[in-house]
Amino acid sequence: MKSICRPSVLPIGPNTMSWKVKGVLGGNLKRQWIKDGFVVIRNVFSQDQILRYNAIVANVRKDVDDGKDANGFGDRIGQLHQKELGLLELASDKKVVNFLKWALGDDPVLMGSLQFQKGTQQEAHIDAIFFWPQPAYSMAG
């Protein structure tokens, strides 16, 4: 089995449980973020919401030449939230926003979206040419 090499914790964001924004989310997410540098926020969206969001994306994919591969998986679609405003609910959910406020120590700003059916299977990497946040390392995906 191939081991996963994760980047070291970077110089922005919380390194203690009492980081700048207090009381906005449970300690388990904070501990996971500090330990691993990422979190999975469970139960943010209901099954009905997920079905609605997936239907929006599927409807767009029907009409977009998105370079489907031999398995029928399409390529990435960028900035879909600008065309389909219902998708903005994903980024503006209170649990997501509260976590980002805590993790980044500031109000989050949506700067883009990228939708794809199948991941690229890339190793951990930095897309600095596309995303150059200030202060450095203050981006979440």
N, C-alpha and C. Protein backbone atom coordinates (compact mmCIF):
# COMPACT_ATOMS: atom_id res chain seq x y z
N MET A 1 0.84 -1.18 0.00
CA MET A 1 0.00 0.00 0.00
C MET A 1 0.88 1.24 0.00
N LYS A 2 0.57 2.18 -0.84
CA LYS A 2 1.32 3.41 -0.96
C LYS A 2 1.00 4.34 0.21
N SER A 3 2.03 4.86 0.86
CA SER A 3 1.78 5.79 1.96
C SER A 3 1.50 7.18 1.42
N ILE A 4 0.70 7.91 2.17
CA ILE A 4 0.33 9.26 1.76
C ILE A 4 1.24 10.24 2.48
N CYS A 5 1.87 11.10 1.71
CA CYS A 5 2.74 12.13 2.28
C CYS A 5 1.94 13.42 2.36
N ARG A 6 1.61 13.84 3.56
CA ARG A 6 0.85 15.07 3.74
C ARG A 6 1.82 16.21 4.02
N PRO A 7 1.49 17.39 3.50
CA PRO A 7 2.35 18.54 3.81
C PRO A 7 2.29 18.86 5.29
N SER A 8 3.33 19.48 5.78
CA SER A 8 3.36 19.86 7.20
C SER A 8 2.35 20.98 7.44
N VAL A 9 1.98 21.14 8.71
CA VAL A 9 1.06 22.20 9.08
C VAL A 9 1.69 23.54 8.72
N LEU A 10 0.90 24.42 8.12
CA LEU A 10 1.42 25.67 7.60
C LEU A 10 1.25 26.81 8.61
N PRO A 11 1.90 27.96 8.40
CA PRO A 11 1.98 28.99 9.42
C PRO A 11 0.76 29.87 9.60
N ILE A 12 -0.41 29.49 9.07
CA ILE A 12 -1.62 30.25 9.33
C ILE A 12 -2.67 29.30 9.85
N GLY A 13 -3.59 29.82 10.60
CA GLY A 13 -4.66 28.99 11.12
C GLY A 13 -4.38 28.57 12.54
N PRO A 14 -5.32 27.85 13.10
CA PRO A 14 -5.25 27.52 14.51
C PRO A 14 -4.16 26.51 14.83
N ASN A 15 -3.51 26.74 15.92
CA ASN A 15 -2.62 25.72 16.45
C ASN A 15 -2.96 25.43 17.91
N THR A 16 -4.03 26.06 18.39
CA THR A 16 -4.53 25.78 19.72
C THR A 16 -6.05 25.77 19.66
N MET A 17 -6.66 25.15 20.66
CA MET A 17 -8.11 25.06 20.70
C MET A 17 -8.75 26.43 20.91
N SER A 18 -8.00 27.39 21.42
CA SER A 18 -8.58 28.71 21.71
C SER A 18 -8.26 29.73 20.63
N TRP A 19 -7.95 29.28 19.42
CA TRP A 19 -7.69 30.17 18.28
C TRP A 19 -8.74 31.25 18.20
N LYS A 20 -8.43 32.38 17.58
CA LYS A 20 -9.17 33.64 17.57
C LYS A 20 -10.69 33.55 17.72
N VAL A 21 -11.36 32.72 16.94
CA VAL A 21 -12.82 32.66 16.98
C VAL A 21 -13.21 31.53 17.93
N LYS A 22 -13.86 31.87 19.04
CA LYS A 22 -14.19 30.87 20.05
C LYS A 22 -15.66 30.50 19.97
N GLY A 23 -15.97 29.26 20.31
CA GLY A 23 -17.34 28.84 20.50
C GLY A 23 -18.18 28.68 19.25
N VAL A 24 -17.58 28.62 18.06
CA VAL A 24 -18.41 28.52 16.86
C VAL A 24 -18.59 27.08 16.39
N LEU A 25 -17.82 26.15 16.92
CA LEU A 25 -17.98 24.76 16.52
C LEU A 25 -17.38 23.84 17.56
N GLY A 26 -17.71 22.57 17.44
CA GLY A 26 -17.28 21.59 18.42
C GLY A 26 -15.78 21.33 18.41
N GLY A 27 -15.32 20.87 19.56
CA GLY A 27 -13.89 20.61 19.74
C GLY A 27 -13.34 19.50 18.89
N ASN A 28 -14.17 18.51 18.50
CA ASN A 28 -13.65 17.41 17.69
C ASN A 28 -13.13 17.89 16.34
N LEU A 29 -13.87 18.81 15.69
CA LEU A 29 -13.39 19.36 14.42
C LEU A 29 -12.12 20.15 14.62
N LYS A 30 -12.06 20.91 15.70
CA LYS A 30 -10.85 21.69 15.98
C LYS A 30 -9.65 20.76 16.17
N ARG A 31 -9.85 19.70 16.96
CA ARG A 31 -8.74 18.77 17.20
C ARG A 31 -8.29 18.11 15.90
N GLN A 32 -9.27 17.71 15.06
CA GLN A 32 -8.91 17.08 13.79
C GLN A 32 -8.14 18.04 12.90
N TRP A 33 -8.58 19.30 12.84
CA TRP A 33 -7.90 20.30 12.01
C TRP A 33 -6.46 20.50 12.48
N ILE A 34 -6.27 20.65 13.80
CA ILE A 34 -4.94 20.88 14.36
C ILE A 34 -4.05 19.67 14.12
N LYS A 35 -4.60 18.47 14.30
CA LYS A 35 -3.81 17.25 14.15
C LYS A 35 -3.51 16.93 12.69
N ASP A 36 -4.55 16.98 11.82
CA ASP A 36 -4.41 16.49 10.45
C ASP A 36 -4.31 17.57 9.38
N GLY A 37 -4.77 18.79 9.69
CA GLY A 37 -4.74 19.86 8.69
C GLY A 37 -5.92 19.85 7.75
N PHE A 38 -6.89 18.96 7.99
CA PHE A 38 -8.13 18.94 7.21
C PHE A 38 -9.23 18.35 8.09
N VAL A 39 -10.47 18.59 7.69
CA VAL A 39 -11.61 18.02 8.40
C VAL A 39 -12.66 17.57 7.39
N VAL A 40 -13.52 16.69 7.84
CA VAL A 40 -14.72 16.32 7.11
C VAL A 40 -15.88 16.75 8.00
N ILE A 41 -16.67 17.70 7.53
CA ILE A 41 -17.80 18.18 8.31
C ILE A 41 -19.02 17.36 7.89
N ARG A 42 -19.47 16.50 8.77
CA ARG A 42 -20.57 15.59 8.45
C ARG A 42 -21.93 16.23 8.72
N ASN A 43 -22.94 15.72 8.02
CA ASN A 43 -24.33 16.09 8.25
C ASN A 43 -24.61 17.59 8.06
N VAL A 44 -23.90 18.22 7.15
CA VAL A 44 -24.16 19.63 6.86
C VAL A 44 -25.41 19.75 6.00
N PHE A 45 -25.55 18.87 5.03
CA PHE A 45 -26.66 18.95 4.08
C PHE A 45 -27.57 17.75 4.22
N SER A 46 -28.87 17.97 4.07
CA SER A 46 -29.84 16.88 4.12
C SER A 46 -29.78 16.09 2.82
N GLN A 47 -30.37 14.91 2.85
CA GLN A 47 -30.44 14.08 1.64
C GLN A 47 -31.18 14.82 0.53
N ASP A 48 -32.26 15.53 0.88
CA ASP A 48 -33.01 16.30 -0.12
C ASP A 48 -32.16 17.39 -0.76
N GLN A 49 -31.35 18.08 0.06
CA GLN A 49 -30.47 19.11 -0.50
C GLN A 49 -29.45 18.49 -1.44
N ILE A 50 -28.87 17.39 -1.05
CA ILE A 50 -27.86 16.74 -1.88
C ILE A 50 -28.48 16.31 -3.22
N LEU A 51 -29.67 15.73 -3.16
CA LEU A 51 -30.35 15.34 -4.41
C LEU A 51 -30.63 16.56 -5.28
N ARG A 52 -31.04 17.67 -4.67
CA ARG A 52 -31.33 18.89 -5.44
C ARG A 52 -30.05 19.44 -6.08
N TYR A 53 -28.95 19.50 -5.33
CA TYR A 53 -27.70 20.00 -5.88
C TYR A 53 -27.20 19.10 -7.01
N ASN A 54 -27.28 17.79 -6.80
CA ASN A 54 -26.83 16.86 -7.83
C ASN A 54 -27.67 16.97 -9.09
N ALA A 55 -28.98 17.22 -8.94
CA ALA A 55 -29.86 17.39 -10.11
C ALA A 55 -29.48 18.65 -10.89
N ILE A 56 -29.14 19.72 -10.18
CA ILE A 56 -28.71 20.95 -10.85
C ILE A 56 -27.47 20.68 -11.70
N VAL A 57 -26.50 20.02 -11.09
CA VAL A 57 -25.24 19.74 -11.80
C VAL A 57 -25.49 18.79 -12.97
N ALA A 58 -26.28 17.75 -12.76
CA ALA A 58 -26.56 16.79 -13.84
C ALA A 58 -27.25 17.49 -15.01
N ASN A 59 -28.16 18.41 -14.72
CA ASN A 59 -28.85 19.14 -15.77
C ASN A 59 -27.88 19.98 -16.60
N VAL A 60 -26.94 20.63 -15.94
CA VAL A 60 -25.93 21.43 -16.65
C VAL A 60 -25.03 20.51 -17.47
N ARG A 61 -24.63 19.39 -16.90
CA ARG A 61 -23.72 18.47 -17.60
C ARG A 61 -24.34 17.92 -18.88
N LYS A 62 -25.67 17.80 -18.95
CA LYS A 62 -26.32 17.30 -20.17
C LYS A 62 -26.01 18.18 -21.35
N ASP A 63 -25.90 19.49 -21.12
CA ASP A 63 -25.77 20.46 -22.21
C ASP A 63 -24.36 21.01 -22.39
N VAL A 64 -23.41 20.48 -21.64
CA VAL A 64 -22.05 21.01 -21.70
C VAL A 64 -21.13 19.96 -22.32
N ASP A 65 -20.34 20.39 -23.29
CA ASP A 65 -19.32 19.51 -23.83
C ASP A 65 -18.17 19.53 -22.84
N ASP A 66 -18.18 18.53 -21.97
CA ASP A 66 -17.22 18.56 -20.88
C ASP A 66 -16.15 17.48 -21.01
N GLY A 67 -15.93 17.00 -22.20
CA GLY A 67 -14.82 16.07 -22.44
C GLY A 67 -14.96 14.76 -21.71
N LYS A 68 -16.13 14.11 -21.79
CA LYS A 68 -16.32 12.84 -21.10
C LYS A 68 -15.26 11.82 -21.54
N ASP A 69 -14.78 11.08 -20.55
CA ASP A 69 -13.79 10.05 -20.86
C ASP A 69 -14.48 8.74 -21.25
N ALA A 70 -13.71 7.70 -21.45
CA ALA A 70 -14.26 6.41 -21.89
C ALA A 70 -15.24 5.81 -20.88
N ASN A 71 -15.14 6.22 -19.63
CA ASN A 71 -16.05 5.73 -18.59
C ASN A 71 -17.26 6.62 -18.40
N GLY A 72 -17.37 7.68 -19.18
CA GLY A 72 -18.52 8.56 -19.09
C GLY A 72 -18.38 9.67 -18.05
N PHE A 73 -17.19 9.80 -17.46
CA PHE A 73 -16.98 10.87 -16.49
C PHE A 73 -16.59 12.14 -17.21
N GLY A 74 -17.23 13.25 -16.83
CA GLY A 74 -16.94 14.52 -17.46
C GLY A 74 -15.79 15.25 -16.80
N ASP A 75 -15.28 16.21 -17.51
CA ASP A 75 -14.20 17.05 -17.02
C ASP A 75 -14.76 18.06 -16.01
N ARG A 76 -13.93 18.91 -15.54
CA ARG A 76 -14.31 19.91 -14.54
C ARG A 76 -15.13 21.04 -15.15
N ILE A 77 -16.06 21.56 -14.35
CA ILE A 77 -16.81 22.75 -14.73
C ILE A 77 -16.53 23.81 -13.68
N GLY A 78 -15.94 24.91 -14.09
CA GLY A 78 -15.59 25.98 -13.16
C GLY A 78 -16.68 27.03 -13.06
N GLN A 79 -16.76 27.63 -11.88
CA GLN A 79 -17.65 28.77 -11.59
C GLN A 79 -19.12 28.46 -11.83
N LEU A 80 -19.53 27.21 -11.61
CA LEU A 80 -20.92 26.84 -11.83
C LEU A 80 -21.86 27.59 -10.89
N HIS A 81 -21.37 28.00 -9.74
CA HIS A 81 -22.20 28.75 -8.78
C HIS A 81 -22.65 30.09 -9.35
N GLN A 82 -21.94 30.61 -10.35
CA GLN A 82 -22.34 31.88 -10.95
C GLN A 82 -23.54 31.71 -11.87
N LYS A 83 -23.67 30.55 -12.48
CA LYS A 83 -24.80 30.28 -13.37
C LYS A 83 -25.98 29.71 -12.59
N GLU A 84 -25.71 28.86 -11.65
CA GLU A 84 -26.73 28.17 -10.86
C GLU A 84 -26.66 28.67 -9.42
N LEU A 85 -27.38 29.73 -9.14
CA LEU A 85 -27.26 30.39 -7.84
C LEU A 85 -27.68 29.49 -6.67
N GLY A 86 -28.50 28.46 -6.93
CA GLY A 86 -28.87 27.53 -5.86
C GLY A 86 -27.66 26.84 -5.26
N LEU A 87 -26.59 26.74 -6.02
CA LEU A 87 -25.38 26.09 -5.52
C LEU A 87 -24.63 26.96 -4.51
N LEU A 88 -24.96 28.23 -4.44
CA LEU A 88 -24.32 29.10 -3.44
C LEU A 88 -24.65 28.65 -2.01
N GLU A 89 -25.76 27.94 -1.85
CA GLU A 89 -26.11 27.43 -0.52
C GLU A 89 -25.02 26.52 0.02
N LEU A 90 -24.31 25.83 -0.85
CA LEU A 90 -23.25 24.94 -0.40
C LEU A 90 -22.17 25.71 0.35
N ALA A 91 -21.75 26.82 -0.19
CA ALA A 91 -20.67 27.60 0.41
C ALA A 91 -21.14 28.50 1.54
N SER A 92 -22.43 28.78 1.61
CA SER A 92 -22.90 29.73 2.62
C SER A 92 -23.57 29.06 3.81
N ASP A 93 -23.52 27.72 3.87
CA ASP A 93 -24.10 27.03 5.01
C ASP A 93 -23.42 27.47 6.31
N LYS A 94 -24.20 27.65 7.35
CA LYS A 94 -23.69 28.17 8.62
C LYS A 94 -22.56 27.31 9.20
N LYS A 95 -22.69 25.98 9.12
CA LYS A 95 -21.63 25.11 9.66
C LYS A 95 -20.33 25.30 8.90
N VAL A 96 -20.42 25.42 7.59
CA VAL A 96 -19.23 25.61 6.76
C VAL A 96 -18.59 26.97 7.07
N VAL A 97 -19.41 28.02 7.07
CA VAL A 97 -18.91 29.38 7.33
C VAL A 97 -18.29 29.47 8.72
N ASN A 98 -18.96 28.92 9.72
CA ASN A 98 -18.43 28.98 11.08
C ASN A 98 -17.10 28.25 11.19
N PHE A 99 -16.99 27.10 10.54
CA PHE A 99 -15.70 26.40 10.59
C PHE A 99 -14.61 27.23 9.94
N LEU A 100 -14.91 27.80 8.77
CA LEU A 100 -13.90 28.58 8.06
C LEU A 100 -13.50 29.84 8.85
N LYS A 101 -14.47 30.48 9.51
CA LYS A 101 -14.14 31.63 10.37
C LYS A 101 -13.13 31.23 11.42
N TRP A 102 -13.38 30.07 12.03
CA TRP A 102 -12.45 29.61 13.06
C TRP A 102 -11.11 29.22 12.46
N ALA A 103 -11.14 28.41 11.39
CA ALA A 103 -9.90 27.86 10.82
C ALA A 103 -9.00 28.93 10.22
N LEU A 104 -9.61 29.96 9.62
CA LEU A 104 -8.82 31.00 8.95
C LEU A 104 -8.71 32.27 9.77
N GLY A 105 -9.48 32.36 10.87
CA GLY A 105 -9.41 33.54 11.72
C GLY A 105 -9.98 34.78 11.08
N ASP A 106 -10.88 34.62 10.10
CA ASP A 106 -11.45 35.76 9.39
C ASP A 106 -12.71 35.29 8.67
N ASP A 107 -13.49 36.25 8.15
CA ASP A 107 -14.67 35.89 7.38
C ASP A 107 -14.25 35.29 6.05
N PRO A 108 -14.82 34.14 5.67
CA PRO A 108 -14.47 33.54 4.39
C PRO A 108 -15.10 34.29 3.21
N VAL A 109 -14.45 34.20 2.06
CA VAL A 109 -14.94 34.82 0.83
C VAL A 109 -14.92 33.74 -0.25
N LEU A 110 -16.05 33.56 -0.94
CA LEU A 110 -16.10 32.60 -2.03
C LEU A 110 -15.45 33.24 -3.25
N MET A 111 -14.40 32.60 -3.77
CA MET A 111 -13.71 33.18 -4.93
C MET A 111 -13.82 32.31 -6.16
N GLY A 112 -14.38 31.14 -6.02
CA GLY A 112 -14.51 30.28 -7.19
C GLY A 112 -15.10 28.95 -6.81
N SER A 113 -15.49 28.20 -7.83
CA SER A 113 -15.99 26.84 -7.60
C SER A 113 -15.53 25.95 -8.74
N LEU A 114 -15.39 24.69 -8.44
CA LEU A 114 -14.94 23.72 -9.42
C LEU A 114 -15.72 22.44 -9.18
N GLN A 115 -16.46 22.00 -10.18
CA GLN A 115 -17.28 20.81 -10.05
C GLN A 115 -16.73 19.74 -10.97
N PHE A 116 -16.58 18.53 -10.44
CA PHE A 116 -16.17 17.42 -11.27
C PHE A 116 -16.75 16.14 -10.71
N GLN A 117 -16.92 15.16 -11.59
CA GLN A 117 -17.53 13.90 -11.20
C GLN A 117 -16.53 12.93 -10.61
N LYS A 118 -15.30 13.02 -11.04
CA LYS A 118 -14.27 12.07 -10.64
C LYS A 118 -13.00 12.86 -10.39
N GLY A 119 -12.38 12.61 -9.26
CA GLY A 119 -11.14 13.31 -8.93
C GLY A 119 -10.01 12.95 -9.88
N THR A 120 -9.01 13.80 -9.93
CA THR A 120 -7.90 13.60 -10.84
C THR A 120 -6.87 12.61 -10.32
N GLN A 121 -7.03 12.20 -9.08
CA GLN A 121 -6.09 11.27 -8.44
C GLN A 121 -4.69 11.86 -8.33
N GLN A 122 -4.61 13.19 -8.29
CA GLN A 122 -3.31 13.85 -8.15
C GLN A 122 -2.79 13.70 -6.72
N GLU A 123 -1.50 13.70 -6.59
CA GLU A 123 -0.88 13.76 -5.27
C GLU A 123 -1.17 15.14 -4.68
N ALA A 124 -0.94 15.31 -3.40
CA ALA A 124 -1.09 16.62 -2.78
C ALA A 124 -0.22 17.62 -3.54
N HIS A 125 -0.78 18.79 -3.83
CA HIS A 125 -0.07 19.77 -4.63
C HIS A 125 -0.61 21.16 -4.35
N ILE A 126 0.05 22.15 -4.87
CA ILE A 126 -0.37 23.54 -4.72
C ILE A 126 -0.59 24.12 -6.11
N ASP A 127 -1.77 24.73 -6.32
CA ASP A 127 -2.08 25.37 -7.59
C ASP A 127 -1.80 26.87 -7.50
N ALA A 128 -0.59 27.23 -7.17
CA ALA A 128 -0.26 28.63 -6.89
C ALA A 128 -0.52 29.55 -8.08
N ILE A 129 -0.42 29.04 -9.28
CA ILE A 129 -0.66 29.89 -10.44
C ILE A 129 -2.13 30.31 -10.52
N PHE A 130 -3.03 29.47 -9.98
CA PHE A 130 -4.46 29.75 -10.02
C PHE A 130 -4.97 30.41 -8.74
N PHE A 131 -4.44 29.99 -7.61
CA PHE A 131 -4.92 30.47 -6.32
C PHE A 131 -3.74 31.02 -5.54
N TRP A 132 -3.76 32.29 -5.29
CA TRP A 132 -2.68 32.91 -4.53
C TRP A 132 -3.29 33.78 -3.44
N PRO A 133 -3.79 33.15 -2.38
CA PRO A 133 -4.47 33.92 -1.33
C PRO A 133 -3.49 34.70 -0.48
N GLN A 134 -3.99 35.78 0.07
CA GLN A 134 -3.23 36.57 1.04
C GLN A 134 -4.07 36.70 2.29
N PRO A 135 -3.55 36.36 3.45
CA PRO A 135 -2.21 35.85 3.69
C PRO A 135 -2.05 34.44 3.11
N ALA A 136 -0.81 34.07 2.91
CA ALA A 136 -0.51 32.76 2.33
C ALA A 136 -1.17 31.65 3.13
N TYR A 137 -1.58 30.63 2.47
CA TYR A 137 -2.18 29.42 3.05
C TYR A 137 -3.56 29.65 3.62
N SER A 138 -4.22 30.73 3.27
CA SER A 138 -5.54 31.00 3.84
C SER A 138 -6.65 30.65 2.85
N MET A 139 -6.54 29.47 2.24
CA MET A 139 -7.55 29.02 1.29
C MET A 139 -8.06 27.65 1.72
N ALA A 140 -9.32 27.42 1.50
CA ALA A 140 -9.92 26.11 1.79
C ALA A 140 -10.63 25.61 0.55
N GLY A 141 -10.68 24.32 0.39
CA GLY A 141 -11.35 23.72 -0.74
C GLY A 141 -12.22 22.58 -0.30
